[in-house]
Protein backbone atom coordinates (compact mmCIF):
# COMPACT_ATOMS: atom_id res chain seq x y z
CA MET A 1 126.43 -22.05 -109.02
CA LEU A 2 126.47 -21.50 -105.32
CA SER A 3 129.55 -20.07 -103.64
CA SER A 4 131.36 -21.86 -100.66
CA ASP A 5 129.99 -19.29 -98.33
CA GLN A 6 126.51 -19.86 -99.50
CA THR A 7 126.76 -23.56 -98.79
CA SER A 8 127.72 -23.03 -95.14
CA LYS A 9 126.97 -25.43 -92.38
CA PRO A 10 123.22 -25.34 -91.10
CA GLN A 11 122.40 -22.95 -88.36
CA SER A 12 120.06 -23.39 -85.47
CA ASP A 13 117.43 -21.27 -86.74
CA ALA A 14 117.85 -20.93 -90.26
CA VAL A 15 115.95 -22.00 -93.40
CA ASP A 16 117.65 -24.46 -95.67
CA VAL A 17 116.94 -23.45 -99.34
CA PHE A 18 117.06 -26.04 -102.27
CA TRP A 19 117.77 -24.49 -105.58
CA HIS A 20 119.27 -25.35 -109.12
CA GLU A 21 120.01 -22.74 -111.55
CA GLY A 22 119.04 -25.32 -114.40
CA MET A 23 115.35 -24.50 -113.53
CA LEU A 24 115.76 -21.16 -115.30
CA GLN A 25 116.13 -22.59 -118.66
CA HIS A 26 112.26 -23.28 -118.91
CA ASP A 27 111.24 -20.75 -121.46
CA ALA A 28 107.55 -20.49 -121.87
CA VAL A 29 106.59 -18.05 -124.65
CA GLN A 30 106.01 -14.35 -125.45
CA GLY A 31 102.89 -12.95 -126.35
CA VAL A 32 99.55 -11.51 -124.84
CA PHE A 33 99.87 -12.59 -121.20
CA ASP A 34 100.07 -16.23 -121.03
CA THR A 35 98.34 -17.25 -124.36
CA GLY A 36 101.46 -17.23 -126.66
CA ILE A 37 99.36 -15.13 -129.19
CA ASN A 38 100.90 -12.37 -131.10
CA PRO A 39 98.07 -10.54 -132.64
CA GLY A 40 100.33 -8.56 -134.95
CA PHE A 41 99.40 -5.13 -133.89
CA LEU A 42 101.25 -4.68 -130.74
CA ASP A 43 104.95 -3.48 -130.93
CA VAL A 44 105.78 -5.05 -127.57
CA LEU A 45 104.82 -8.43 -126.46
CA GLU A 46 105.05 -9.62 -122.76
CA LYS A 47 106.90 -12.58 -121.41
CA HIS A 48 104.70 -15.51 -120.24
CA PRO A 49 103.89 -14.54 -116.37
CA GLU A 50 105.66 -17.82 -115.32
CA ASN A 51 109.28 -16.59 -116.53
CA ALA A 52 112.58 -17.10 -115.09
CA ASP A 53 113.05 -13.26 -113.93
CA ARG A 54 110.59 -13.75 -110.90
CA VAL A 55 112.57 -16.69 -109.71
CA ARG A 56 116.02 -15.01 -110.34
CA ASN A 57 114.73 -12.14 -107.95
CA MET A 58 113.67 -14.68 -105.36
CA VAL A 59 117.13 -16.21 -105.58
CA SER A 60 118.77 -12.87 -105.47
CA ILE A 61 116.80 -11.51 -102.28
CA LEU A 62 117.71 -14.55 -100.53
CA GLN A 63 121.37 -14.39 -101.36
CA ARG A 64 121.77 -10.66 -100.76
CA GLY A 65 118.79 -9.47 -98.83
CA PRO A 66 118.48 -8.77 -95.01
CA ILE A 67 117.80 -12.46 -94.08
CA SER A 68 120.77 -14.00 -96.19
CA PRO A 69 122.81 -14.83 -93.03
CA ARG A 70 120.14 -17.22 -92.01
CA VAL A 71 119.70 -18.88 -95.36
CA ASN A 72 121.60 -22.05 -96.18
CA TRP A 73 122.01 -23.21 -99.76
CA LEU A 74 121.67 -26.86 -100.86
CA PRO A 75 121.88 -28.05 -104.36
CA GLY A 76 118.94 -29.57 -106.20
CA ARG A 77 118.74 -32.63 -108.60
CA LEU A 78 117.01 -34.26 -111.22
CA ALA A 79 114.07 -36.54 -110.47
CA ILE A 80 113.88 -39.98 -111.94
CA VAL A 81 111.02 -41.57 -113.64
CA SER A 82 110.40 -44.08 -110.97
CA GLU A 83 109.89 -41.18 -108.51
CA LEU A 84 107.47 -39.40 -110.77
CA LEU A 85 105.40 -42.58 -111.01
CA THR A 86 104.49 -42.44 -107.29
CA PHE A 87 102.03 -39.63 -108.22
CA HIS A 88 101.89 -39.60 -111.94
CA THR A 89 100.65 -42.23 -114.38
CA SER A 90 103.07 -43.77 -116.91
CA ASP A 91 100.97 -42.65 -119.82
CA TYR A 92 101.16 -38.84 -118.80
CA ILE A 93 104.99 -39.19 -117.93
CA ASN A 94 105.53 -40.80 -121.41
CA LYS A 95 103.52 -38.03 -123.08
CA LEU A 96 105.77 -35.36 -121.50
CA ILE A 97 108.88 -37.44 -122.54
CA GLU A 98 107.69 -37.56 -126.26
CA ALA A 99 106.86 -33.95 -126.14
CA ASP A 100 110.38 -33.02 -125.03
CA LYS A 101 111.89 -35.45 -127.65
CA SER A 102 110.01 -33.50 -130.36
CA GLY A 103 112.34 -30.58 -129.83
CA GLU A 104 109.34 -28.35 -130.61
CA ARG A 105 107.50 -25.76 -128.67
CA ARG A 106 104.10 -27.19 -127.53
CA GLU A 107 101.28 -26.04 -125.61
CA ILE A 108 100.56 -28.99 -123.26
CA SER A 109 97.43 -27.62 -121.78
CA ALA A 110 95.86 -23.87 -122.15
CA GLY A 111 98.62 -21.49 -121.13
CA THR A 112 101.22 -24.12 -120.42
CA PHE A 113 103.75 -24.45 -122.84
CA MET A 114 106.76 -26.80 -123.14
CA SER A 115 109.97 -25.73 -124.88
CA PRO A 116 113.42 -27.25 -125.33
CA GLY A 117 114.87 -27.19 -121.88
CA SER A 118 111.38 -27.25 -120.14
CA TRP A 119 111.52 -31.13 -119.35
CA GLU A 120 114.95 -30.98 -117.61
CA ALA A 121 113.61 -27.83 -115.56
CA ALA A 122 110.47 -29.82 -114.56
CA LEU A 123 112.53 -32.93 -113.57
CA LEU A 124 115.01 -30.53 -111.55
CA ALA A 125 111.80 -28.99 -109.77
CA ALA A 126 110.62 -32.23 -108.75
CA GLY A 127 113.92 -33.68 -107.79
CA THR A 128 114.94 -30.56 -105.78
CA THR A 129 111.52 -30.70 -103.89
CA LEU A 130 112.15 -34.32 -103.14
CA SER A 131 115.79 -33.42 -101.86
CA ALA A 132 114.16 -30.87 -99.51
CA MET A 133 111.86 -33.38 -98.14
CA GLN A 134 114.40 -36.20 -97.65
CA HIS A 135 116.56 -33.66 -95.89
CA ILE A 136 113.89 -33.01 -93.42
CA LEU A 137 113.04 -36.80 -93.23
CA ASP A 138 116.68 -37.38 -92.47
CA SER A 139 116.64 -34.94 -89.65
CA HIS A 140 119.13 -32.55 -91.17
CA SER A 141 116.97 -29.65 -90.60
CA LYS A 142 113.35 -28.99 -89.55
CA ILE A 143 112.70 -26.08 -91.87
CA ALA A 144 113.31 -26.40 -95.70
CA TYR A 145 112.21 -24.36 -98.84
CA ALA A 146 112.24 -25.75 -102.15
CA LEU A 147 112.74 -22.86 -104.63
CA VAL A 148 111.49 -24.53 -107.84
CA ARG A 149 110.04 -23.84 -111.11
CA PRO A 150 108.08 -24.64 -113.13
CA PRO A 151 105.32 -24.73 -110.48
CA GLY A 152 103.47 -27.94 -109.71
CA HIS A 153 100.35 -27.70 -107.59
CA HIS A 154 97.82 -27.73 -110.61
CA SER A 155 99.44 -30.99 -112.17
CA GLN A 156 96.97 -33.83 -111.61
CA PRO A 157 98.11 -37.44 -111.88
CA THR A 158 97.13 -37.66 -115.52
CA GLN A 159 97.58 -34.07 -116.97
CA ALA A 160 99.32 -30.89 -116.98
CA ASP A 161 97.49 -27.51 -115.90
CA GLY A 162 98.04 -23.89 -115.04
CA TYR A 163 101.88 -23.81 -116.07
CA CYS A 164 102.46 -27.02 -114.21
CA PHE A 165 103.97 -30.28 -115.57
CA LEU A 166 104.96 -32.28 -112.46
CA ASN A 167 103.22 -31.88 -109.00
CA ASN A 168 106.34 -31.12 -106.94
CA ALA A 169 104.51 -30.76 -103.74
CA ALA A 170 102.63 -33.97 -104.16
CA LEU A 171 105.79 -36.06 -104.95
CA ALA A 172 107.19 -34.82 -101.78
CA VAL A 173 104.13 -35.93 -99.77
CA LYS A 174 104.26 -39.17 -101.29
CA LEU A 175 107.94 -39.65 -100.42
CA ALA A 176 107.18 -38.62 -96.79
CA LEU A 177 104.30 -41.36 -96.52
CA ASP A 178 106.18 -43.91 -98.22
CA SER A 179 109.40 -43.34 -96.02
CA GLY A 180 107.56 -44.64 -92.92
CA ARG A 181 108.63 -41.78 -90.90
CA CYS A 182 105.31 -40.02 -91.71
CA SER A 183 101.85 -41.34 -91.26
CA ARG A 184 99.75 -37.93 -91.80
CA VAL A 185 100.67 -35.02 -93.81
CA ALA A 186 98.96 -31.66 -93.65
CA VAL A 187 99.45 -29.54 -96.88
CA VAL A 188 98.31 -25.92 -96.72
CA ASP A 189 98.16 -24.12 -100.11
CA ILE A 190 98.15 -20.18 -100.04
CA ASP A 191 98.65 -19.76 -103.82
CA VAL A 192 95.79 -17.66 -105.37
CA HIS A 193 94.47 -20.54 -107.44
CA TYR A 194 93.04 -23.71 -106.21
CA GLY A 195 95.64 -26.51 -105.62
CA ASN A 196 93.49 -28.82 -107.57
CA GLY A 197 96.26 -31.22 -108.78
CA THR A 198 97.44 -31.92 -105.10
CA ALA A 199 93.78 -32.16 -103.91
CA GLU A 200 92.86 -34.69 -106.88
CA GLY A 201 95.80 -37.00 -106.00
CA PHE A 202 94.77 -37.32 -102.39
CA TYR A 203 91.23 -36.86 -102.80
CA ARG A 204 90.34 -40.47 -101.64
CA SER A 205 92.87 -40.57 -98.76
CA ASP A 206 92.64 -39.84 -95.21
CA LYS A 207 96.50 -39.79 -94.57
CA VAL A 208 96.63 -36.19 -96.24
CA LEU A 209 94.85 -33.14 -95.32
CA THR A 210 94.67 -30.83 -98.09
CA VAL A 211 93.53 -27.24 -97.24
CA SER A 212 93.72 -24.55 -100.00
CA LEU A 213 93.07 -20.87 -99.59
CA HIS A 214 92.38 -19.39 -103.05
CA MET A 215 90.48 -16.67 -105.14
CA ASN A 216 86.80 -18.05 -105.86
CA HIS A 217 87.67 -18.71 -109.65
CA GLY A 218 85.91 -21.86 -110.34
CA SER A 219 86.85 -24.21 -113.15
CA TRP A 220 88.84 -22.93 -116.10
CA GLY A 221 88.13 -25.98 -118.63
CA SER A 222 89.09 -29.49 -119.27
CA SER A 223 92.61 -29.27 -117.77
CA HIS A 224 90.98 -27.71 -114.56
CA PRO A 225 87.60 -29.42 -114.03
CA GLN A 226 87.77 -28.97 -110.36
CA ARG A 227 85.77 -25.93 -109.06
CA GLY A 228 87.54 -25.36 -105.65
CA SER A 229 84.20 -24.81 -103.95
CA VAL A 230 83.53 -25.77 -100.23
CA ASP A 231 81.57 -28.90 -101.33
CA GLU A 232 84.55 -30.71 -102.92
CA LEU A 233 85.42 -32.53 -99.59
CA GLY A 234 87.03 -35.69 -100.94
CA GLU A 235 85.59 -39.13 -101.28
CA GLY A 236 85.58 -42.52 -99.60
CA VAL A 237 87.85 -42.56 -96.56
CA GLY A 238 89.15 -39.38 -97.91
CA LEU A 239 85.76 -37.47 -97.09
CA GLY A 240 86.40 -34.33 -95.21
CA TYR A 241 90.15 -34.39 -95.88
CA ASN A 242 90.07 -31.84 -98.62
CA LEU A 243 89.02 -28.48 -97.50
CA ASN A 244 88.52 -25.56 -99.83
CA VAL A 245 88.55 -21.84 -98.69
CA PRO A 246 87.29 -19.93 -101.53
CA LEU A 247 87.93 -16.33 -100.76
CA PRO A 248 86.30 -13.07 -102.10
CA ASN A 249 88.51 -10.77 -104.25
CA GLY A 250 90.44 -8.29 -102.17
CA THR A 251 90.42 -10.38 -98.88
CA GLY A 252 93.56 -8.78 -97.77
CA ASP A 253 95.95 -9.25 -94.68
CA LYS A 254 93.31 -9.28 -91.96
CA GLY A 255 90.91 -11.53 -94.04
CA TYR A 256 93.58 -14.06 -94.76
CA GLU A 257 94.61 -14.10 -91.10
CA CYS A 258 91.11 -14.63 -90.00
CA ALA A 259 90.82 -17.60 -92.48
CA VAL A 260 94.12 -19.18 -91.31
CA ASN A 261 93.19 -18.81 -87.60
CA GLU A 262 89.49 -19.91 -87.98
CA LEU A 263 89.75 -22.55 -90.63
CA VAL A 264 93.33 -23.95 -91.14
CA VAL A 265 94.61 -23.97 -87.56
CA PRO A 266 91.62 -25.81 -85.96
CA ALA A 267 91.49 -28.34 -88.87
CA VAL A 268 95.34 -29.19 -88.71
CA ARG A 269 94.89 -29.38 -84.92
CA ARG A 270 91.94 -32.12 -85.44
CA PHE A 271 93.96 -33.83 -88.06
CA GLY A 272 97.35 -34.05 -86.08
CA PRO A 273 99.84 -34.30 -88.83
CA ASP A 274 103.44 -35.45 -88.30
CA MET A 275 104.48 -33.29 -91.27
CA VAL A 276 103.43 -29.90 -92.57
CA VAL A 277 103.82 -28.70 -96.35
CA LEU A 278 103.21 -25.12 -97.00
CA VAL A 279 102.49 -24.55 -100.68
CA VAL A 280 103.50 -20.96 -101.40
CA GLY A 281 102.39 -18.66 -104.10
CA GLN A 282 102.91 -14.95 -104.04
CA ASP A 283 100.26 -14.27 -106.83
CA SER A 284 97.83 -13.64 -103.61
CA SER A 285 99.65 -10.31 -103.32
CA ALA A 286 98.09 -6.92 -103.96
CA PHE A 287 99.89 -6.38 -107.26
CA ASP A 288 100.25 -9.70 -108.82
CA PRO A 289 98.81 -9.83 -112.48
CA ASN A 290 97.19 -13.28 -112.04
CA GLY A 291 95.25 -12.61 -108.61
CA ARG A 292 92.99 -10.12 -106.77
CA GLN A 293 93.51 -11.16 -103.22
CA SER A 294 95.50 -7.92 -101.92
CA LEU A 295 97.98 -9.64 -99.55
CA THR A 296 100.91 -7.29 -98.56
CA MET A 297 104.17 -8.25 -97.04
CA ASN A 298 102.51 -8.11 -93.65
CA GLY A 299 100.04 -10.85 -94.73
CA TYR A 300 102.81 -13.09 -95.86
CA ARG A 301 104.75 -12.58 -92.58
CA ARG A 302 101.85 -13.24 -90.45
CA ILE A 303 100.98 -16.43 -92.30
CA GLY A 304 104.70 -17.61 -92.03
CA GLN A 305 104.55 -17.16 -88.36
CA ILE A 306 101.41 -19.19 -87.89
CA MET A 307 102.69 -21.88 -90.08
CA ARG A 308 105.87 -22.11 -87.87
CA GLU A 309 103.76 -22.27 -84.90
CA MET A 310 101.63 -25.01 -86.31
CA ALA A 311 104.69 -27.07 -87.29
CA GLU A 312 106.16 -26.63 -83.72
CA GLU A 313 102.74 -27.79 -82.25
CA HIS A 314 102.06 -30.85 -84.32
CA SER A 315 105.12 -32.02 -86.40
CA ASN A 316 108.04 -31.45 -84.14
CA GLY A 317 108.72 -28.36 -85.94
CA ARG A 318 109.04 -30.02 -89.45
CA LEU A 319 107.93 -27.73 -92.24
CA LEU A 320 108.51 -28.08 -96.03
CA MET A 321 107.85 -25.02 -98.11
CA VAL A 322 107.34 -25.57 -101.99
CA GLN A 323 107.36 -22.50 -104.23
CA GLU A 324 104.55 -22.06 -106.75
CA GLY A 325 103.02 -18.98 -108.28
CA GLY A 326 103.95 -15.33 -107.92
CA TYR A 327 104.31 -13.29 -111.04
CA HIS A 328 104.90 -9.66 -110.07
CA VAL A 329 108.62 -9.81 -110.91
CA THR A 330 109.72 -7.68 -107.95
CA TYR A 331 106.99 -7.67 -105.37
CA ALA A 332 106.67 -11.68 -105.22
CA ALA A 333 110.51 -11.58 -103.93
CA TYR A 334 109.65 -9.19 -101.40
CA CYS A 335 106.52 -11.22 -100.19
CA LEU A 336 108.78 -14.20 -100.12
CA HIS A 337 111.29 -12.59 -97.81
CA ALA A 338 108.65 -11.35 -95.54
CA MET A 339 107.03 -14.81 -95.19
CA LEU A 340 110.47 -16.39 -94.36
CA GLU A 341 110.92 -13.61 -91.78
CA GLY A 342 107.70 -14.76 -90.12
CA VAL A 343 108.74 -18.40 -90.47
CA LEU A 344 112.04 -17.64 -88.72
CA LYS A 345 110.35 -15.74 -85.93
CA ILE A 346 112.06 -12.38 -86.79
CA PRO A 347 110.39 -9.95 -84.46
CA GLU A 348 110.55 -6.84 -86.75
CA PRO A 349 110.31 -6.44 -90.56
CA HIS A 350 113.64 -6.25 -92.23
CA LEU A 351 112.37 -4.75 -95.37
CA GLU A 352 110.00 -2.05 -95.78
CA ASP A 353 106.86 -2.79 -98.18
CA PRO A 354 107.47 -0.52 -101.11
CA VAL A 355 103.85 -0.88 -102.56
CA ALA A 356 101.43 -1.59 -99.66
CA TYR A 357 99.06 1.24 -100.90
CA TYR A 358 95.57 -0.39 -100.80
CA PRO A 359 93.21 0.30 -98.19
CA GLU A 360 91.83 -2.82 -96.41
CA ASP A 361 88.33 -3.80 -95.27
CA GLU A 362 87.98 -7.52 -94.39
CA ALA A 363 84.32 -7.41 -93.50
CA VAL A 364 83.25 -9.39 -96.74
CA ALA A 365 86.14 -11.82 -96.03
CA VAL A 366 85.26 -12.38 -92.40
CA GLU A 367 81.62 -13.13 -93.33
CA ALA A 368 82.85 -15.67 -96.05
CA VAL A 369 85.04 -17.42 -93.41
CA LYS A 370 82.16 -17.77 -90.96
CA SER A 371 80.17 -19.24 -93.61
CA ILE A 372 82.68 -21.64 -94.59
CA LYS A 373 83.20 -22.74 -90.94
CA ARG A 374 79.57 -23.27 -90.43
CA TYR A 375 79.72 -25.62 -93.59
CA HIS A 376 82.65 -27.50 -92.26
CA SER A 377 81.05 -27.92 -88.93
CA GLU A 378 78.08 -29.58 -90.40
CA TYR A 379 79.38 -31.52 -93.57
CA VAL A 380 83.00 -32.42 -92.43
CA PRO A 381 82.99 -35.54 -90.22
CA PHE A 382 86.16 -34.69 -88.29
CA LEU A 383 85.18 -31.27 -87.75
CA ARG A 384 81.65 -31.69 -86.81
CA GLY A 385 80.38 -29.58 -83.84
CA THR A 386 83.45 -27.19 -84.07
């Protein structure tokens, strides 16, 4: 539970963090990485990468780390089924409810396990994210962060995928659009994997601009048929409003900053949103077991700065951040802290990077960004000629 001093009144330049400890009860599985396999010849099995420890450290670094005085804690809540149906189909939600009622551990999709307690945690993640968005819509704050698990951005309207059951960010976007207080929402996803679920849900809409910067991993099966390639641009009136930025392995801080400044910022400026949603994954970091993109704390800090600037330019400062991946149990928390330093415009780093050892060469990434920019200029209607 949150103490009274952690639920203090909002400050003028602080981040309002929405959290509920019930999300820790989701227990995926142990085995070889995320497979749940016990081959019988290993003495030590590892926790599933999406385990509670990673988020415990995110909570603790915000409670006791250097920026804790600028963090306001607000309670999360359970989502209700009618809210889930704004994005997901009833058949899919019923499937999840039946899986929960069985009381058994089930693999819902590859690497995505539901155990007793998982469904309640998923409902808390969805409801907590909705509360964070409502908080902004009601003008209680301009900056809110939904610190949630299980993650959501791979979950599509009809199926689970990539450790995700319910698409927390997409539900928040639907809430914003349905509220009548937003007409256009920009979603920027910096998780190391393609935000395919969010993209799929708004693929035929011109009200939502989805931009995903991710490792160039392609499809990984029937639960994730989308490739995340530059030619997946949306359909119908949504053509051009799904922008994929597949980046080469090892892109690093300078490469990501180049991609954000050359691709994300101009697209958001042309789109003109009245709400900005940042989908955050620290699995793009240099030491994450699930990615190879080599971002350090400095890279996350700079992304936070740019996102704050974009929100102030386009959405009157309104910025919702939603937690996704990030599987290095300690470094993910450090990278979160750095990103929030950037969002809060803290001029100097408050924490030293403990593991930023990799040399950086952004040349390959810069060439990739130039190629993607040329493609957007030719094939994306609202970006033609840029």
